[in-house]
Amino acid sequence: MNFLSQLLQGITYVPIVVQAVEGLFGNKTGANKKAAALAFIQNAVSPTDPAADKYIVDHDKFQDGLSKVIDGVVECLNASVWAAQH
């Protein structure tokens, strides 16, 4: 699987991961929940082949980008009916 496909597939799971983390760590701080979600998503999109690691040339920017995706999903969920149910 090429990296773009793997990245897009991983990003599609962000809402599911955010919801699962909320269920598992609901009593933790937002920062703790975000760190857990980020770890799950990073593992999902990280290349499984060590040689494929060349696709991520700046790991800090990559993590920052994933962090922003998670923030956006949380913002959307908090502005929806989903937030009222939790």
N, C-alpha and C. Protein backbone atom coordinates (compact mmCIF):
# COMPACT_ATOMS: atom_id res chain seq x y z
N MET A 1 0.85 -1.18 0.00
CA MET A 1 0.00 0.00 0.00
C MET A 1 0.90 1.24 0.00
N ASN A 2 0.61 2.19 -0.88
CA ASN A 2 1.45 3.38 -0.88
C ASN A 2 1.12 4.26 0.33
N PHE A 3 2.02 5.19 0.61
CA PHE A 3 1.90 5.96 1.83
C PHE A 3 0.64 6.82 1.86
N LEU A 4 0.30 7.45 0.73
CA LEU A 4 -0.90 8.30 0.71
C LEU A 4 -2.15 7.49 1.05
N SER A 5 -2.26 6.32 0.48
CA SER A 5 -3.41 5.46 0.79
C SER A 5 -3.42 5.09 2.27
N GLN A 6 -2.27 4.77 2.80
CA GLN A 6 -2.16 4.39 4.22
C GLN A 6 -2.51 5.58 5.11
N LEU A 7 -2.04 6.76 4.76
CA LEU A 7 -2.35 7.97 5.54
C LEU A 7 -3.85 8.26 5.52
N LEU A 8 -4.44 8.24 4.34
CA LEU A 8 -5.88 8.53 4.24
C LEU A 8 -6.72 7.49 4.96
N GLN A 9 -6.30 6.23 4.89
CA GLN A 9 -7.02 5.18 5.60
C GLN A 9 -6.93 5.42 7.11
N GLY A 10 -5.75 5.79 7.60
CA GLY A 10 -5.59 6.06 9.02
C GLY A 10 -6.42 7.24 9.48
N ILE A 11 -6.48 8.29 8.66
CA ILE A 11 -7.24 9.48 9.02
C ILE A 11 -8.74 9.19 9.09
N THR A 12 -9.21 8.26 8.28
CA THR A 12 -10.64 7.94 8.33
C THR A 12 -11.05 7.33 9.67
N TYR A 13 -10.09 6.79 10.39
CA TYR A 13 -10.38 6.18 11.69
C TYR A 13 -10.32 7.16 12.86
N VAL A 14 -9.95 8.41 12.60
CA VAL A 14 -9.81 9.38 13.69
C VAL A 14 -11.10 9.52 14.50
N PRO A 15 -12.28 9.70 13.89
CA PRO A 15 -13.49 9.82 14.71
C PRO A 15 -13.75 8.59 15.58
N ILE A 16 -13.50 7.41 15.05
CA ILE A 16 -13.70 6.18 15.82
C ILE A 16 -12.73 6.12 16.98
N VAL A 17 -11.47 6.48 16.71
CA VAL A 17 -10.46 6.46 17.77
C VAL A 17 -10.79 7.49 18.84
N VAL A 18 -11.18 8.68 18.43
CA VAL A 18 -11.53 9.72 19.40
C VAL A 18 -12.69 9.25 20.29
N GLN A 19 -13.68 8.66 19.69
CA GLN A 19 -14.82 8.17 20.48
C GLN A 19 -14.39 7.04 21.42
N ALA A 20 -13.55 6.13 20.94
CA ALA A 20 -13.07 5.03 21.79
C ALA A 20 -12.23 5.55 22.95
N VAL A 21 -11.36 6.51 22.67
CA VAL A 21 -10.53 7.10 23.72
C VAL A 21 -11.41 7.80 24.75
N GLU A 22 -12.43 8.49 24.29
CA GLU A 22 -13.35 9.16 25.22
C GLU A 22 -14.02 8.13 26.13
N GLY A 23 -14.40 7.00 25.56
CA GLY A 23 -15.01 5.95 26.37
C GLY A 23 -14.05 5.33 27.36
N LEU A 24 -12.80 5.14 26.94
CA LEU A 24 -11.80 4.51 27.80
C LEU A 24 -11.22 5.46 28.84
N PHE A 25 -11.01 6.72 28.44
CA PHE A 25 -10.31 7.68 29.30
C PHE A 25 -11.17 8.90 29.60
N GLY A 26 -12.48 8.74 29.64
CA GLY A 26 -13.39 9.85 29.84
C GLY A 26 -13.10 10.70 31.05
N ASN A 27 -12.54 10.10 32.10
CA ASN A 27 -12.27 10.86 33.32
C ASN A 27 -10.89 11.50 33.33
N LYS A 28 -10.11 11.30 32.28
CA LYS A 28 -8.77 11.89 32.18
C LYS A 28 -8.87 13.29 31.57
N THR A 29 -7.76 14.02 31.59
CA THR A 29 -7.74 15.36 31.02
C THR A 29 -7.80 15.28 29.50
N GLY A 30 -8.16 16.38 28.89
CA GLY A 30 -8.18 16.46 27.43
C GLY A 30 -6.81 16.17 26.83
N ALA A 31 -5.76 16.66 27.50
CA ALA A 31 -4.40 16.42 27.00
C ALA A 31 -4.05 14.94 27.03
N ASN A 32 -4.47 14.25 28.08
CA ASN A 32 -4.21 12.81 28.17
C ASN A 32 -4.96 12.05 27.09
N LYS A 33 -6.22 12.43 26.87
CA LYS A 33 -7.02 11.76 25.85
C LYS A 33 -6.45 12.03 24.46
N LYS A 34 -6.00 13.26 24.22
CA LYS A 34 -5.42 13.59 22.92
C LYS A 34 -4.13 12.80 22.69
N ALA A 35 -3.31 12.67 23.72
CA ALA A 35 -2.07 11.90 23.60
C ALA A 35 -2.36 10.44 23.27
N ALA A 36 -3.38 9.89 23.89
CA ALA A 36 -3.76 8.50 23.61
C ALA A 36 -4.27 8.36 22.18
N ALA A 37 -5.12 9.28 21.75
CA ALA A 37 -5.64 9.23 20.37
C ALA A 37 -4.51 9.40 19.38
N LEU A 38 -3.59 10.30 19.66
CA LEU A 38 -2.45 10.53 18.77
C LEU A 38 -1.59 9.28 18.64
N ALA A 39 -1.37 8.60 19.75
CA ALA A 39 -0.57 7.37 19.72
C ALA A 39 -1.26 6.30 18.87
N PHE A 40 -2.57 6.15 19.03
CA PHE A 40 -3.30 5.16 18.24
C PHE A 40 -3.24 5.49 16.76
N ILE A 41 -3.47 6.75 16.42
CA ILE A 41 -3.50 7.15 15.01
C ILE A 41 -2.10 7.05 14.40
N GLN A 42 -1.08 7.45 15.14
CA GLN A 42 0.29 7.35 14.62
C GLN A 42 0.63 5.90 14.29
N ASN A 43 0.24 5.00 15.16
CA ASN A 43 0.50 3.58 14.90
C ASN A 43 -0.26 3.10 13.67
N ALA A 44 -1.45 3.63 13.46
CA ALA A 44 -2.26 3.20 12.32
C ALA A 44 -1.68 3.68 11.00
N VAL A 45 -1.09 4.86 10.98
CA VAL A 45 -0.60 5.42 9.73
C VAL A 45 0.90 5.24 9.53
N SER A 46 1.60 4.78 10.54
CA SER A 46 3.04 4.59 10.40
C SER A 46 3.31 3.44 9.44
N PRO A 47 4.27 3.64 8.58
CA PRO A 47 4.61 2.55 7.65
C PRO A 47 5.02 1.30 8.41
N THR A 48 4.52 0.16 7.95
CA THR A 48 4.85 -1.10 8.61
C THR A 48 6.19 -1.64 8.13
N ASP A 49 6.60 -1.24 6.95
CA ASP A 49 7.88 -1.65 6.40
C ASP A 49 8.92 -0.62 6.80
N PRO A 50 9.97 -1.02 7.53
CA PRO A 50 10.98 -0.04 7.96
C PRO A 50 11.56 0.76 6.80
N ALA A 51 11.67 0.18 5.63
CA ALA A 51 12.20 0.90 4.48
C ALA A 51 11.24 2.00 4.03
N ALA A 52 9.95 1.84 4.33
CA ALA A 52 8.95 2.83 3.94
C ALA A 52 8.97 4.05 4.85
N ASP A 53 9.72 4.01 5.93
CA ASP A 53 9.82 5.14 6.85
C ASP A 53 10.34 6.39 6.14
N LYS A 54 10.92 6.22 4.98
CA LYS A 54 11.46 7.36 4.23
C LYS A 54 10.36 8.33 3.82
N TYR A 55 9.10 7.90 3.84
CA TYR A 55 8.01 8.78 3.45
C TYR A 55 7.78 9.90 4.45
N ILE A 56 8.12 9.68 5.69
CA ILE A 56 7.97 10.72 6.72
C ILE A 56 9.35 11.31 6.95
N VAL A 57 9.58 12.49 6.40
CA VAL A 57 10.90 13.09 6.50
C VAL A 57 11.02 14.04 7.69
N ASP A 58 9.89 14.49 8.22
CA ASP A 58 9.91 15.36 9.40
C ASP A 58 8.85 14.84 10.37
N HIS A 59 9.30 14.02 11.30
CA HIS A 59 8.37 13.36 12.22
C HIS A 59 7.63 14.35 13.12
N ASP A 60 8.28 15.45 13.50
CA ASP A 60 7.61 16.44 14.34
C ASP A 60 6.45 17.11 13.60
N LYS A 61 6.67 17.49 12.35
CA LYS A 61 5.60 18.10 11.56
C LYS A 61 4.48 17.09 11.28
N PHE A 62 4.86 15.84 11.07
CA PHE A 62 3.86 14.80 10.84
C PHE A 62 2.98 14.65 12.07
N GLN A 63 3.60 14.59 13.25
CA GLN A 63 2.83 14.47 14.49
C GLN A 63 1.97 15.71 14.71
N ASP A 64 2.50 16.88 14.40
CA ASP A 64 1.73 18.12 14.54
C ASP A 64 0.51 18.10 13.62
N GLY A 65 0.68 17.61 12.41
CA GLY A 65 -0.44 17.51 11.48
C GLY A 65 -1.52 16.57 11.98
N LEU A 66 -1.11 15.41 12.49
CA LEU A 66 -2.08 14.47 13.06
C LEU A 66 -2.78 15.07 14.26
N SER A 67 -2.04 15.82 15.05
CA SER A 67 -2.63 16.48 16.21
C SER A 67 -3.72 17.46 15.80
N LYS A 68 -3.50 18.18 14.71
CA LYS A 68 -4.50 19.13 14.22
C LYS A 68 -5.73 18.40 13.69
N VAL A 69 -5.53 17.26 13.04
CA VAL A 69 -6.67 16.47 12.56
C VAL A 69 -7.52 16.03 13.76
N ILE A 70 -6.86 15.54 14.80
CA ILE A 70 -7.58 15.11 16.01
C ILE A 70 -8.34 16.28 16.62
N ASP A 71 -7.68 17.45 16.72
CA ASP A 71 -8.36 18.63 17.27
C ASP A 71 -9.61 18.98 16.46
N GLY A 72 -9.50 18.90 15.14
CA GLY A 72 -10.64 19.21 14.28
C GLY A 72 -11.79 18.24 14.47
N VAL A 73 -11.47 16.96 14.59
CA VAL A 73 -12.51 15.96 14.81
C VAL A 73 -13.18 16.18 16.15
N VAL A 74 -12.40 16.45 17.18
CA VAL A 74 -12.97 16.70 18.51
C VAL A 74 -13.87 17.93 18.47
N GLU A 75 -13.43 18.97 17.78
CA GLU A 75 -14.24 20.19 17.69
C GLU A 75 -15.57 19.90 16.99
N CYS A 76 -15.52 19.14 15.90
CA CYS A 76 -16.75 18.78 15.19
C CYS A 76 -17.68 17.94 16.08
N LEU A 77 -17.11 16.95 16.76
CA LEU A 77 -17.92 16.10 17.62
C LEU A 77 -18.52 16.89 18.77
N ASN A 78 -17.74 17.80 19.37
CA ASN A 78 -18.25 18.58 20.48
C ASN A 78 -19.35 19.56 20.05
N ALA A 79 -19.39 19.90 18.77
CA ALA A 79 -20.41 20.81 18.25
C ALA A 79 -21.63 20.05 17.74
N SER A 80 -21.66 18.75 17.96
CA SER A 80 -22.74 17.92 17.41
C SER A 80 -23.58 17.30 18.51
N VAL A 81 -24.55 16.55 18.09
CA VAL A 81 -25.41 15.81 19.00
C VAL A 81 -24.59 14.81 19.81
N TRP A 82 -23.49 14.31 19.22
CA TRP A 82 -22.63 13.34 19.90
C TRP A 82 -22.22 13.84 21.28
N ALA A 83 -21.87 15.13 21.39
CA ALA A 83 -21.41 15.69 22.66
C ALA A 83 -22.52 15.65 23.72
N ALA A 84 -23.74 15.87 23.31
CA ALA A 84 -24.86 15.86 24.24
C ALA A 84 -25.13 14.47 24.80
N GLN A 85 -24.69 13.44 24.08
CA GLN A 85 -24.93 12.07 24.52
C GLN A 85 -23.86 11.59 25.48
N HIS A 86 -22.81 12.37 25.68
CA HIS A 86 -21.71 11.93 26.56
C HIS A 86 -21.56 12.81 27.76
